[in-house]
Amino acid sequence: MKLFSRKSNVPDDRSIMEKAWDLQHRLEARQNRVGKGKYGRVLKMARKPTNEEYSKTSKITGAGILLVGGLGFLIFLLSTVIAPYVAGLIGW
């Protein structure tokens, strides 16, 4: 069985081991270049958060979600319940 190479329609006669080693070398080269791009400094400084940091972030995020959801619910109530009531009072 002959497979085609990635770059052209020419059959690739290499063995499966040669292809695996080639892939391994390309992946390692890509991994070595990770810290050299635009975001390399950020990636080098990044670390796993502590349990306390994760807990605080989760609580703040949850409070934000509840606040935005509550505000949306209030707008929904205003438009479906209160607005028709007020419109009926003023004669619309």
C-alpha atoms as a PDB file:
ATOM      1  CA  MET A   1       0.000   0.000   0.000  1.00  0.00           C
ATOM      2  CA  LYS A   2       1.508   3.314  -1.044  1.00  0.00           C
ATOM      3  CA  LEU A   3       0.465   6.508   0.658  1.00  0.00           C
ATOM      4  CA  PHE A   4       0.811   9.950  -0.801  1.00  0.00           C
ATOM      5  CA  SER A   5       2.935  12.606   0.840  1.00  0.00           C
ATOM      6  CA  ARG A   6       1.323  15.745   2.246  1.00  0.00           C
ATOM      7  CA  LYS A   7       2.853  18.149  -0.238  1.00  0.00           C
ATOM      8  CA  SER A   8       2.251  16.485  -3.573  1.00  0.00           C
ATOM      9  CA  ASN A   9       0.534  13.634  -5.338  1.00  0.00           C
ATOM     10  CA  VAL A  10       3.777  11.631  -5.467  1.00  0.00           C
ATOM     11  CA  PRO A  11       3.561   8.263  -3.696  1.00  0.00           C
ATOM     12  CA  ASP A  12       5.456   8.111  -0.406  1.00  0.00           C
ATOM     13  CA  ASP A  13       7.648   4.990  -0.269  1.00  0.00           C
ATOM     14  CA  ARG A  14       8.810   5.454   3.340  1.00  0.00           C
ATOM     15  CA  SER A  15       7.979   2.849   5.960  1.00  0.00           C
ATOM     16  CA  ILE A  16       5.492   3.508   8.723  1.00  0.00           C
ATOM     17  CA  MET A  17       8.371   3.882  11.225  1.00  0.00           C
ATOM     18  CA  GLU A  18      10.085   6.512   9.092  1.00  0.00           C
ATOM     19  CA  LYS A  19       6.825   8.425   8.841  1.00  0.00           C
ATOM     20  CA  ALA A  20       6.309   8.161  12.613  1.00  0.00           C
ATOM     21  CA  TRP A  21       9.821   9.483  13.308  1.00  0.00           C
ATOM     22  CA  ASP A  22       9.283  12.322  10.854  1.00  0.00           C
ATOM     23  CA  LEU A  23       6.046  13.251  12.614  1.00  0.00           C
ATOM     24  CA  GLN A  24       7.771  13.031  16.006  1.00  0.00           C
ATOM     25  CA  HIS A  25      10.530  15.401  14.888  1.00  0.00           C
ATOM     26  CA  ARG A  26       8.038  17.902  13.453  1.00  0.00           C
ATOM     27  CA  LEU A  27       6.028  17.879  16.702  1.00  0.00           C
ATOM     28  CA  GLU A  28       9.154  18.390  18.811  1.00  0.00           C
ATOM     29  CA  ALA A  29      10.276  21.267  16.588  1.00  0.00           C
ATOM     30  CA  ARG A  30       6.862  22.919  16.935  1.00  0.00           C
ATOM     31  CA  GLN A  31       6.978  22.471  20.710  1.00  0.00           C
ATOM     32  CA  ASN A  32      10.406  24.133  20.862  1.00  0.00           C
ATOM     33  CA  ARG A  33       9.055  27.157  18.953  1.00  0.00           C
ATOM     34  CA  VAL A  34       6.100  27.739  21.333  1.00  0.00           C
ATOM     35  CA  GLY A  35       7.892  30.202  23.602  1.00  0.00           C
ATOM     36  CA  LYS A  36       9.250  32.313  20.751  1.00  0.00           C
ATOM     37  CA  GLY A  37       6.090  33.830  19.233  1.00  0.00           C
ATOM     38  CA  LYS A  38       3.870  36.760  20.185  1.00  0.00           C
ATOM     39  CA  TYR A  39       2.457  35.071  23.245  1.00  0.00           C
ATOM     40  CA  GLY A  40       5.593  33.269  24.354  1.00  0.00           C
ATOM     41  CA  ARG A  41       6.154  35.502  27.367  1.00  0.00           C
ATOM     42  CA  VAL A  42       2.579  35.003  28.534  1.00  0.00           C
ATOM     43  CA  LEU A  43       2.860  31.243  28.160  1.00  0.00           C
ATOM     44  CA  LYS A  44       6.132  31.191  30.079  1.00  0.00           C
ATOM     45  CA  MET A  45       4.625  33.203  32.945  1.00  0.00           C
ATOM     46  CA  ALA A  46       1.393  31.180  33.073  1.00  0.00           C
ATOM     47  CA  ARG A  47       0.932  28.779  35.950  1.00  0.00           C
ATOM     48  CA  LYS A  48      -1.754  26.627  37.469  1.00  0.00           C
ATOM     49  CA  PRO A  49      -3.922  28.625  39.917  1.00  0.00           C
ATOM     50  CA  THR A  50      -3.980  27.686  43.585  1.00  0.00           C
ATOM     51  CA  ASN A  51      -7.171  26.281  45.089  1.00  0.00           C
ATOM     52  CA  GLU A  52      -7.885  29.637  46.746  1.00  0.00           C
ATOM     53  CA  GLU A  53      -7.475  31.565  43.471  1.00  0.00           C
ATOM     54  CA  TYR A  54      -9.662  29.081  41.639  1.00  0.00           C
ATOM     55  CA  SER A  55     -12.347  29.274  44.327  1.00  0.00           C
ATOM     56  CA  LYS A  56     -12.419  33.101  44.277  1.00  0.00           C
ATOM     57  CA  THR A  57     -12.528  33.187  40.485  1.00  0.00           C
ATOM     58  CA  SER A  58     -15.382  30.665  40.420  1.00  0.00           C
ATOM     59  CA  LYS A  59     -17.390  32.641  42.995  1.00  0.00           C
ATOM     60  CA  ILE A  60     -16.909  35.946  41.163  1.00  0.00           C
ATOM     61  CA  THR A  61     -17.813  34.356  37.832  1.00  0.00           C
ATOM     62  CA  GLY A  62     -20.931  32.737  39.338  1.00  0.00           C
ATOM     63  CA  ALA A  63     -21.997  36.045  40.901  1.00  0.00           C
ATOM     64  CA  GLY A  64     -21.563  37.751  37.524  1.00  0.00           C
ATOM     65  CA  ILE A  65     -23.670  35.115  35.780  1.00  0.00           C
ATOM     66  CA  LEU A  66     -26.423  35.480  38.406  1.00  0.00           C
ATOM     67  CA  LEU A  67     -26.309  39.284  38.141  1.00  0.00           C
ATOM     68  CA  VAL A  68     -26.609  39.293  34.349  1.00  0.00           C
ATOM     69  CA  GLY A  69     -29.354  36.640  34.478  1.00  0.00           C
ATOM     70  CA  GLY A  70     -31.271  38.591  37.137  1.00  0.00           C
ATOM     71  CA  LEU A  71     -31.011  41.777  35.105  1.00  0.00           C
ATOM     72  CA  GLY A  72     -32.319  39.950  32.045  1.00  0.00           C
ATOM     73  CA  PHE A  73     -35.206  38.539  34.070  1.00  0.00           C
ATOM     74  CA  LEU A  74     -36.097  42.014  35.380  1.00  0.00           C
ATOM     75  CA  ILE A  75     -36.134  43.369  31.822  1.00  0.00           C
ATOM     76  CA  PHE A  76     -38.352  40.451  30.811  1.00  0.00           C
ATOM     77  CA  LEU A  77     -40.776  41.189  33.663  1.00  0.00           C
ATOM     78  CA  LEU A  78     -40.772  44.882  32.818  1.00  0.00           C
ATOM     79  CA  SER A  79     -41.660  44.218  29.185  1.00  0.00           C
ATOM     80  CA  THR A  80     -44.278  41.490  29.729  1.00  0.00           C
ATOM     81  CA  VAL A  81     -46.010  42.362  33.021  1.00  0.00           C
ATOM     82  CA  ILE A  82     -45.362  45.919  34.107  1.00  0.00           C
ATOM     83  CA  ALA A  83     -45.411  47.642  30.699  1.00  0.00           C
ATOM     84  CA  PRO A  84     -48.916  46.320  29.736  1.00  0.00           C
ATOM     85  CA  TYR A  85     -50.220  47.231  33.210  1.00  0.00           C
ATOM     86  CA  VAL A  86     -48.902  50.788  32.925  1.00  0.00           C
ATOM     87  CA  ALA A  87     -50.214  51.058  29.355  1.00  0.00           C
ATOM     88  CA  GLY A  88     -53.670  50.004  30.609  1.00  0.00           C
ATOM     89  CA  LEU A  89     -53.563  52.635  33.347  1.00  0.00           C
ATOM     90  CA  ILE A  90     -52.779  55.476  30.972  1.00  0.00           C
ATOM     91  CA  GLY A  91     -55.327  54.328  28.395  1.00  0.00           C
ATOM     92  CA  TRP A  92     -53.209  52.899  25.615  1.00  0.00           C
END
